[in-house]
C-alpha atoms as a PDB file:
ATOM      1  CA  LYS A   1      -7.506  -9.277   9.974  1.00  0.00           C
ATOM      2  CA  ILE A   2      -6.085 -10.967   6.993  1.00  0.00           C
ATOM      3  CA  ILE A   3      -3.209  -9.391   6.467  1.00  0.00           C
ATOM      4  CA  PRO A   4      -0.238 -11.748   5.549  1.00  0.00           C
ATOM      5  CA  MET A   5       3.537 -10.860   7.246  1.00  0.00           C
ATOM      6  CA  GLY A   6       5.951  -9.583   4.997  1.00  0.00           C
ATOM      7  CA  ALA A   7       3.578  -8.083   2.486  1.00  0.00           C
ATOM      8  CA  GLY A   8       4.162  -4.602   2.463  1.00  0.00           C
ATOM      9  CA  LEU A   9       0.477  -4.199   3.439  1.00  0.00           C
ATOM     10  CA  GLY A  10       1.299  -2.121   6.774  1.00  0.00           C
ATOM     11  CA  GLY A  11      -0.239  -4.938   8.860  1.00  0.00           C
ATOM     12  CA  GLY A  12       2.416  -4.265  11.888  1.00  0.00           C
ATOM     13  CA  SER A  13       2.338  -0.630  11.081  1.00  0.00           C
ATOM     14  CA  SER A  14      -1.639  -0.367  11.453  1.00  0.00           C
ATOM     15  CA  ASP A  15      -1.791  -2.274  14.588  1.00  0.00           C
ATOM     16  CA  ALA A  16       0.571   0.098  16.065  1.00  0.00           C
ATOM     17  CA  ALA A  17      -1.662   2.877  15.041  1.00  0.00           C
ATOM     18  CA  PHE A  18      -4.782   1.512  16.319  1.00  0.00           C
ATOM     19  CA  MET A  19      -3.078  -0.015  19.622  1.00  0.00           C
ATOM     20  CA  VAL A  20      -2.341   3.777  19.955  1.00  0.00           C
ATOM     21  CA  LYS A  21      -5.781   5.022  19.315  1.00  0.00           C
ATOM     22  CA  LEU A  22      -7.542   1.982  21.667  1.00  0.00           C
ATOM     23  CA  LEU A  23      -5.399   2.899  24.688  1.00  0.00           C
ATOM     24  CA  ASN A  24      -6.844   6.651  24.181  1.00  0.00           C
ATOM     25  CA  ASP A  25     -10.220   5.319  24.132  1.00  0.00           C
ATOM     26  CA  THR A  26      -9.838   2.772  27.027  1.00  0.00           C
ATOM     27  CA  PHE A  27      -8.289   5.016  29.401  1.00  0.00           C
ATOM     28  CA  GLN A  28     -10.373   7.828  28.462  1.00  0.00           C
ATOM     29  CA  LEU A  29      -6.632  10.308  27.523  1.00  0.00           C
ATOM     30  CA  ASN A  30      -8.551  12.304  25.323  1.00  0.00           C
ATOM     31  CA  MET A  31      -5.355  12.770  23.082  1.00  0.00           C
ATOM     32  CA  GLU A  32      -6.399  14.694  19.650  1.00  0.00           C
ATOM     33  CA  ASN A  33      -5.262  13.227  17.040  1.00  0.00           C
ATOM     34  CA  LYS A  34      -2.374  15.478  16.430  1.00  0.00           C
ATOM     35  CA  GLN A  35      -0.967  13.842  20.012  1.00  0.00           C
ATOM     36  CA  MET A  36      -1.552  10.400  18.332  1.00  0.00           C
ATOM     37  CA  LEU A  37       0.049  11.267  15.311  1.00  0.00           C
ATOM     38  CA  GLU A  38       3.392  12.783  17.496  1.00  0.00           C
ATOM     39  CA  ILE A  39       3.516   9.184  19.243  1.00  0.00           C
ATOM     40  CA  THR A  40       3.239   7.125  16.351  1.00  0.00           C
ATOM     41  CA  ALA A  41       5.840   8.954  14.227  1.00  0.00           C
ATOM     42  CA  LYS A  42       7.929   7.887  16.945  1.00  0.00           C
ATOM     43  CA  ILE A  43       7.052   4.003  16.767  1.00  0.00           C
ATOM     44  CA  GLY A  44       7.459   3.702  12.937  1.00  0.00           C
ATOM     45  CA  SER A  45       7.516   5.997   9.946  1.00  0.00           C
ATOM     46  CA  ASP A  46       4.163   4.893   8.352  1.00  0.00           C
ATOM     47  CA  CYS A  47       2.287   4.078  11.333  1.00  0.00           C
ATOM     48  CA  SER A  48       0.580   7.935  11.452  1.00  0.00           C
ATOM     49  CA  PHE A  49      -1.012   7.223   8.542  1.00  0.00           C
ATOM     50  CA  PHE A  50      -3.186   5.053  10.365  1.00  0.00           C
ATOM     51  CA  ILE A  51      -4.451   7.597  12.972  1.00  0.00           C
ATOM     52  CA  GLU A  52      -6.335   9.170  10.405  1.00  0.00           C
ATOM     53  CA  ASN A  53      -6.298   5.855   8.220  1.00  0.00           C
ATOM     54  CA  LYS A  54      -8.131   7.321   4.824  1.00  0.00           C
ATOM     55  CA  ALA A  55      -6.866   8.423   1.367  1.00  0.00           C
ATOM     56  CA  MET A  56      -3.583  10.741   1.808  1.00  0.00           C
ATOM     57  CA  PHE A  57      -0.744  12.242  -0.134  1.00  0.00           C
ATOM     58  CA  ALA A  58       1.788  11.383   2.284  1.00  0.00           C
ATOM     59  CA  SER A  59       5.616  12.915   2.349  1.00  0.00           C
ATOM     60  CA  GLY A  60       8.484  13.240   4.820  1.00  0.00           C
ATOM     61  CA  LYS A  61       9.167   9.847   6.219  1.00  0.00           C
ATOM     62  CA  GLY A  62       5.520   9.318   5.503  1.00  0.00           C
ATOM     63  CA  ASP A  63       4.330  11.198   8.298  1.00  0.00           C
ATOM     64  CA  ILE A  64       3.166  14.442   6.906  1.00  0.00           C
ATOM     65  CA  PHE A  65      -0.089  14.307   5.040  1.00  0.00           C
ATOM     66  CA  LYS A  66      -2.445  15.974   2.681  1.00  0.00           C
ATOM     67  CA  ASN A  67      -5.970  14.731   2.280  1.00  0.00           C
ATOM     68  CA  VAL A  68      -7.268  13.622  -1.115  1.00  0.00           C
ATOM     69  CA  ASP A  69     -10.666  13.312  -2.214  1.00  0.00           C
ATOM     70  CA  LEU A  70     -10.231   9.485  -3.123  1.00  0.00           C
ATOM     71  CA  ASN A  71     -13.161   7.222  -4.201  1.00  0.00           C
ATOM     72  CA  LEU A  72     -12.645   3.871  -5.328  1.00  0.00           C
ATOM     73  CA  SER A  73     -15.930   2.477  -4.446  1.00  0.00           C
ATOM     74  CA  ASN A  74     -17.214   0.058  -6.980  1.00  0.00           C
ATOM     75  CA  TYR A  75     -13.824  -1.002  -8.052  1.00  0.00           C
ATOM     76  CA  TYR A  76     -12.586  -4.534  -7.183  1.00  0.00           C
ATOM     77  CA  LEU A  77      -9.560  -4.748  -5.718  1.00  0.00           C
ATOM     78  CA  VAL A  78      -6.634  -8.404  -5.622  1.00  0.00           C
ATOM     79  CA  ILE A  79      -4.245  -8.290  -3.711  1.00  0.00           C
ATOM     80  CA  VAL A  80      -1.559 -11.381  -4.718  1.00  0.00           C
ATOM     81  CA  LYS A  81       1.409 -12.160  -2.181  1.00  0.00           C
ATOM     82  CA  PRO A  82       3.808 -14.846  -3.350  1.00  0.00           C
ATOM     83  CA  SER A  83       5.817 -16.874  -1.085  1.00  0.00           C
ATOM     84  CA  VAL A  84       8.735 -14.974  -0.754  1.00  0.00           C
ATOM     85  CA  ASN A  85       9.242 -12.347   2.108  1.00  0.00           C
ATOM     86  CA  ILE A  86      11.245  -9.043   1.614  1.00  0.00           C
ATOM     87  CA  SER A  87      12.813  -7.344   4.954  1.00  0.00           C
ATOM     88  CA  THR A  88      11.900  -3.911   5.150  1.00  0.00           C
ATOM     89  CA  GLN A  89      15.644  -3.617   5.576  1.00  0.00           C
ATOM     90  CA  VAL A  90      16.591  -5.546   2.688  1.00  0.00           C
ATOM     91  CA  ALA A  91      14.214  -3.374   0.330  1.00  0.00           C
ATOM     92  CA  TYR A  92      15.533  -0.054   1.562  1.00  0.00           C
ATOM     93  CA  SER A  93      19.364  -1.240   1.014  1.00  0.00           C
ATOM     94  CA  LEU A  94      18.412  -1.654  -2.604  1.00  0.00           C
ATOM     95  CA  ILE A  95      16.316   1.418  -3.341  1.00  0.00           C
ATOM     96  CA  LYS A  96      18.259   4.501  -4.560  1.00  0.00           C
ATOM     97  CA  PRO A  97      16.230   7.656  -3.651  1.00  0.00           C
ATOM     98  CA  LYS A  98      15.474  10.191  -6.738  1.00  0.00           C
ATOM     99  CA  LYS A  99      13.037  12.810  -7.158  1.00  0.00           C
ATOM    100  CA  GLY A 100      10.009  12.139  -9.155  1.00  0.00           C
ATOM    101  CA  SER A 101       9.785  13.411 -12.549  1.00  0.00           C
ATOM    102  CA  TYR A 102       5.899  14.278 -11.975  1.00  0.00           C
ATOM    103  CA  ASN A 103       4.297  15.687  -9.013  1.00  0.00           C
ATOM    104  CA  LEU A 104       1.428  13.341  -8.028  1.00  0.00           C
ATOM    105  CA  GLU A 105      -0.406  16.169  -6.398  1.00  0.00           C
ATOM    106  CA  ASN A 106      -1.454  17.035  -9.968  1.00  0.00           C
ATOM    107  CA  ILE A 107      -2.666  14.104 -10.600  1.00  0.00           C
ATOM    108  CA  ASP A 108      -6.601  13.595 -10.726  1.00  0.00           C
ATOM    109  CA  VAL A 109      -6.674  10.518  -8.240  1.00  0.00           C
ATOM    110  CA  ASN A 110     -10.178   9.773  -9.568  1.00  0.00           C
ATOM    111  CA  ASP A 111      -8.735   8.914 -13.218  1.00  0.00           C
ATOM    112  CA  ILE A 112      -7.627   5.894 -12.385  1.00  0.00           C
ATOM    113  CA  ASN A 113      -7.146   5.030 -16.103  1.00  0.00           C
ATOM    114  CA  ASN A 114      -4.042   7.506 -15.978  1.00  0.00           C
ATOM    115  CA  TRP A 115      -2.223   6.025 -12.849  1.00  0.00           C
ATOM    116  CA  LYS A 116      -0.123   3.502 -14.645  1.00  0.00           C
ATOM    117  CA  ASN A 117       1.497   6.505 -16.463  1.00  0.00           C
ATOM    118  CA  TYR A 118       2.211   8.521 -13.390  1.00  0.00           C
ATOM    119  CA  ILE A 119       2.019   6.572 -10.000  1.00  0.00           C
ATOM    120  CA  ILE A 120       5.321   4.198  -9.668  1.00  0.00           C
ATOM    121  CA  ASN A 121       6.474   2.554  -6.655  1.00  0.00           C
ATOM    122  CA  ASP A 122      10.334   3.256  -6.563  1.00  0.00           C
ATOM    123  CA  PHE A 123      10.729  -0.128  -5.020  1.00  0.00           C
ATOM    124  CA  GLU A 124       9.824  -1.995  -8.280  1.00  0.00           C
ATOM    125  CA  GLU A 125      12.738  -2.034  -9.918  1.00  0.00           C
ATOM    126  CA  PRO A 126      15.276  -3.045  -7.640  1.00  0.00           C
ATOM    127  CA  ILE A 127      12.861  -5.660  -6.181  1.00  0.00           C
ATOM    128  CA  PHE A 128      11.947  -6.870  -9.665  1.00  0.00           C
ATOM    129  CA  LEU A 129      15.574  -7.450 -10.547  1.00  0.00           C
ATOM    130  CA  LYS A 130      15.907  -9.772  -7.162  1.00  0.00           C
ATOM    131  CA  PHE A 131      12.442 -11.320  -7.229  1.00  0.00           C
ATOM    132  CA  SER A 132      11.191 -11.854 -10.768  1.00  0.00           C
ATOM    133  CA  GLU A 133       7.950 -13.691  -9.533  1.00  0.00           C
ATOM    134  CA  ILE A 134       6.925 -10.120  -8.045  1.00  0.00           C
ATOM    135  CA  LYS A 135       7.206  -8.684 -11.346  1.00  0.00           C
ATOM    136  CA  ASN A 136       5.370 -11.722 -13.176  1.00  0.00           C
ATOM    137  CA  ILE A 137       2.142 -10.959 -10.590  1.00  0.00           C
ATOM    138  CA  LYS A 138       2.092  -7.310 -11.751  1.00  0.00           C
ATOM    139  CA  GLU A 139       2.393  -8.335 -15.072  1.00  0.00           C
ATOM    140  CA  LYS A 140      -0.508 -11.131 -14.995  1.00  0.00           C
ATOM    141  CA  LEU A 141      -2.609  -8.823 -12.969  1.00  0.00           C
ATOM    142  CA  TYR A 142      -2.246  -6.466 -16.124  1.00  0.00           C
ATOM    143  CA  ASP A 143      -2.663  -9.076 -18.561  1.00  0.00           C
ATOM    144  CA  VAL A 144      -6.133 -10.341 -16.899  1.00  0.00           C
ATOM    145  CA  GLY A 145      -7.526  -6.785 -16.772  1.00  0.00           C
ATOM    146  CA  ALA A 146      -6.263  -4.590 -14.227  1.00  0.00           C
ATOM    147  CA  VAL A 147      -6.651  -0.561 -14.762  1.00  0.00           C
ATOM    148  CA  TYR A 148      -3.607   0.092 -12.058  1.00  0.00           C
ATOM    149  CA  ALA A 149      -1.401  -2.813 -10.682  1.00  0.00           C
ATOM    150  CA  SER A 150       1.713  -1.884  -8.065  1.00  0.00           C
ATOM    151  CA  MET A 151       3.790  -3.886  -5.595  1.00  0.00           C
ATOM    152  CA  SER A 152       2.442  -2.761  -2.130  1.00  0.00           C
ATOM    153  CA  GLY A 153       5.507  -0.764  -0.550  1.00  0.00           C
ATOM    154  CA  SER A 154       8.263  -2.405  -0.003  1.00  0.00           C
ATOM    155  CA  GLY A 155       6.709  -5.662  -1.292  1.00  0.00           C
ATOM    156  CA  SER A 156       6.169  -8.660  -1.642  1.00  0.00           C
ATOM    157  CA  ALA A 157       2.102  -8.148  -1.614  1.00  0.00           C
ATOM    158  CA  VAL A 158       1.042  -7.042  -5.426  1.00  0.00           C
ATOM    159  CA  TYR A 159      -2.483  -5.389  -6.063  1.00  0.00           C
ATOM    160  CA  GLY A 160      -4.712  -4.677  -9.036  1.00  0.00           C
ATOM    161  CA  ILE A 161      -7.562  -2.942  -9.252  1.00  0.00           C
ATOM    162  CA  PHE A 162     -10.017  -3.566 -11.546  1.00  0.00           C
ATOM    163  CA  ASN A 163     -13.362  -2.150 -13.207  1.00  0.00           C
ATOM    164  CA  ASP A 164     -15.301  -5.514 -13.135  1.00  0.00           C
ATOM    165  CA  TYR A 165     -14.721  -8.680 -10.862  1.00  0.00           C
ATOM    166  CA  VAL A 166     -12.158 -10.939 -12.696  1.00  0.00           C
ATOM    167  CA  ASN A 167     -11.815 -14.276 -10.640  1.00  0.00           C
ATOM    168  CA  THR A 168      -8.253 -14.573 -10.277  1.00  0.00           C
ATOM    169  CA  LEU A 169      -8.162 -17.233  -7.280  1.00  0.00           C
ATOM    170  CA  ASN A 170      -6.536 -19.944  -9.693  1.00  0.00           C
ATOM    171  CA  LEU A 171      -4.086 -18.089 -11.228  1.00  0.00           C
ATOM    172  CA  PHE A 172      -1.205 -17.666  -8.750  1.00  0.00           C
ATOM    173  CA  ASP A 173      -0.654 -20.924  -7.647  1.00  0.00           C
ATOM    174  CA  GLY A 174       1.201 -20.939  -4.223  1.00  0.00           C
ATOM    175  CA  CYS A 175       0.490 -17.355  -3.542  1.00  0.00           C
ATOM    176  CA  PHE A 176      -1.711 -16.033  -1.151  1.00  0.00           C
ATOM    177  CA  VAL A 177      -4.825 -14.138  -3.143  1.00  0.00           C
ATOM    178  CA  TRP A 178      -7.879 -11.762  -1.834  1.00  0.00           C
ATOM    179  CA  GLN A 179      -9.908 -10.159  -3.536  1.00  0.00           C
ATOM    180  CA  GLY A 180     -12.931  -7.874  -3.154  1.00  0.00           C
ATOM    181  CA  LYS A 181     -15.411  -4.708  -4.194  1.00  0.00           C
ATOM    182  CA  LEU A 182     -14.343  -1.931  -2.570  1.00  0.00           C
ATOM    183  CA  ASN A 183     -16.633   0.065  -0.710  1.00  0.00           C
END
């Protein structure tokens, strides 16, 4: 895979989850998803997400899931990862947990035009204060037409979702840039 390290894209967590799935298949352990979820929850907070590997609302420590009927096919995704890396430890040390003002389970997940008003990554505010280049990436994604943009996880990658293809490859000098159509 081409997930850069330190991007907040779940590369290490997905590796751990898929290793559990691989061991289950290779050694014919016949574990149900529930058993694999219990194992991966002990490895890392968000590892369990990758056992199901589909859109879900996550709560708790990222290990309590509710199915979501999300369809992003035909949208375009751009991921921009600057050269700065943010350790998970640093990111969590900067954040002050608070209750959200809106229950995301009430949002129409397929009305992406409203996401900007309701879906907020709480890591952004403190990370943007410390690393303005990440904030600038998000703003530039909106400037070139993203319908939604956000920092991924605890950073440092920022993604933008677009209605149509936009060539962003030359807009982010010194950054890793990936873009493609979602299926």
